[in-house]
Amino acid sequence: MIIGADELILWLRKNNHTLEPNERLGKEIRKIIEGDNIGGKLIERNKHSYWGNEKNANRFNLPKTSAQYEISINKATTLFQTLENRYIAI
């Protein structure tokens, strides 16, 4: 499956998991996806992010561009669990 760092950042923001800056989140997301547990690969660096409207982008402090990754569909749960464990708001 193809998933963008922007989608993962949106998920983290909507679920109140982190206020980390987008650039830092993007770097961490790349490490997680390309790591041994996920084994994904970068397929595009700066794809324009599409948000329903600018209001949503500002509301959740979302990036205007993001990297896109290819991961095995059976690794999606592991990816979201890893992100949640790392960034859950305390």
Protein backbone atom coordinates (compact mmCIF):
# COMPACT_ATOMS: atom_id res chain seq x y z
CA MET A 1 0.00 0.00 0.00
CA ILE A 2 1.09 3.59 -0.49
CA ILE A 3 0.84 5.91 2.49
CA GLY A 4 2.05 9.46 2.96
CA ALA A 5 3.70 10.96 5.99
CA ASP A 6 1.03 13.67 5.74
CA GLU A 7 -1.70 11.08 6.36
CA LEU A 8 0.16 9.74 9.38
CA ILE A 9 0.70 13.25 10.76
CA LEU A 10 -3.00 13.97 10.32
CA TRP A 11 -3.87 10.78 12.22
CA LEU A 12 -1.49 11.70 15.03
CA ARG A 13 -2.88 15.24 15.26
CA LYS A 14 -6.56 14.22 15.09
CA ASN A 15 -6.00 11.75 17.91
CA ASN A 16 -4.08 14.26 20.04
CA HIS A 17 -0.96 12.15 20.09
CA THR A 18 1.65 14.86 19.54
CA LEU A 19 2.42 18.52 18.99
CA GLU A 20 5.88 17.76 17.56
CA PRO A 21 6.85 19.88 14.53
CA ASN A 22 6.03 18.36 11.12
CA GLU A 23 9.67 18.19 10.04
CA ARG A 24 10.67 16.17 13.11
CA LEU A 25 7.64 13.90 12.72
CA GLY A 26 8.47 13.32 9.06
CA LYS A 27 12.02 12.23 9.94
CA GLU A 28 10.78 9.87 12.65
CA ILE A 29 8.08 8.44 10.39
CA ARG A 30 10.73 7.70 7.77
CA LYS A 31 12.91 5.88 10.32
CA ILE A 32 9.93 3.82 11.48
CA ILE A 33 8.73 2.92 7.98
CA GLU A 34 12.18 2.07 6.65
CA GLY A 35 13.10 0.17 9.81
CA ASP A 36 13.21 -3.59 10.25
CA ASN A 37 9.69 -3.93 11.69
CA ILE A 38 7.96 -2.28 8.72
CA GLY A 39 10.47 -2.66 5.88
CA GLY A 40 8.84 0.00 3.72
CA LYS A 41 10.50 2.14 1.07
CA LEU A 42 10.41 5.79 0.09
CA ILE A 43 8.80 6.26 -3.33
CA GLU A 44 8.40 10.06 -3.50
CA ARG A 45 9.91 12.89 -1.44
CA ASN A 46 7.75 16.01 -1.80
CA LYS A 47 4.30 15.14 -3.01
CA HIS A 48 1.81 17.98 -2.65
CA SER A 49 -0.55 17.22 0.23
CA TYR A 50 -4.23 17.46 -0.54
CA TRP A 51 -6.45 18.63 2.27
CA GLY A 52 -10.16 19.28 1.89
CA ASN A 53 -9.58 22.94 2.59
CA GLU A 54 -6.98 25.27 4.03
CA LYS A 55 -8.98 25.53 7.26
CA ASN A 56 -8.34 21.84 8.03
CA ALA A 57 -4.65 22.17 7.22
CA ASN A 58 -4.29 25.09 9.61
CA ARG A 59 -6.48 23.52 12.28
CA PHE A 60 -4.25 20.46 12.55
CA ASN A 61 -0.95 22.15 11.57
CA LEU A 62 -0.51 19.86 8.56
CA PRO A 63 2.37 19.84 6.07
CA LYS A 64 1.95 21.21 2.54
CA THR A 65 4.12 18.43 1.07
CA SER A 66 5.22 15.06 2.35
CA ALA A 67 7.09 11.88 1.54
CA GLN A 68 5.18 8.90 0.21
CA TYR A 69 6.02 5.33 1.18
CA GLU A 70 5.18 1.85 0.02
CA ILE A 71 4.57 -0.71 2.76
CA SER A 72 3.09 -4.17 2.87
CA ILE A 73 -0.59 -4.00 3.83
CA ASN A 74 0.01 -6.47 6.65
CA LYS A 75 2.44 -3.97 8.25
CA ALA A 76 -0.13 -1.16 8.57
CA THR A 77 -1.25 -2.18 12.07
CA THR A 78 2.36 -2.38 13.23
CA LEU A 79 3.01 1.08 11.80
CA PHE A 80 0.05 2.69 13.58
CA GLN A 81 0.81 0.89 16.86
CA THR A 82 4.43 2.02 16.71
CA LEU A 83 3.39 5.63 16.08
CA GLU A 84 0.81 5.53 18.85
CA ASN A 85 3.28 4.04 21.35
CA ARG A 86 5.92 6.62 20.47
CA TYR A 87 3.72 9.72 20.34
CA ILE A 88 0.82 9.17 22.69
CA ALA A 89 0.16 12.42 24.53
CA ILE A 90 0.72 12.19 28.25
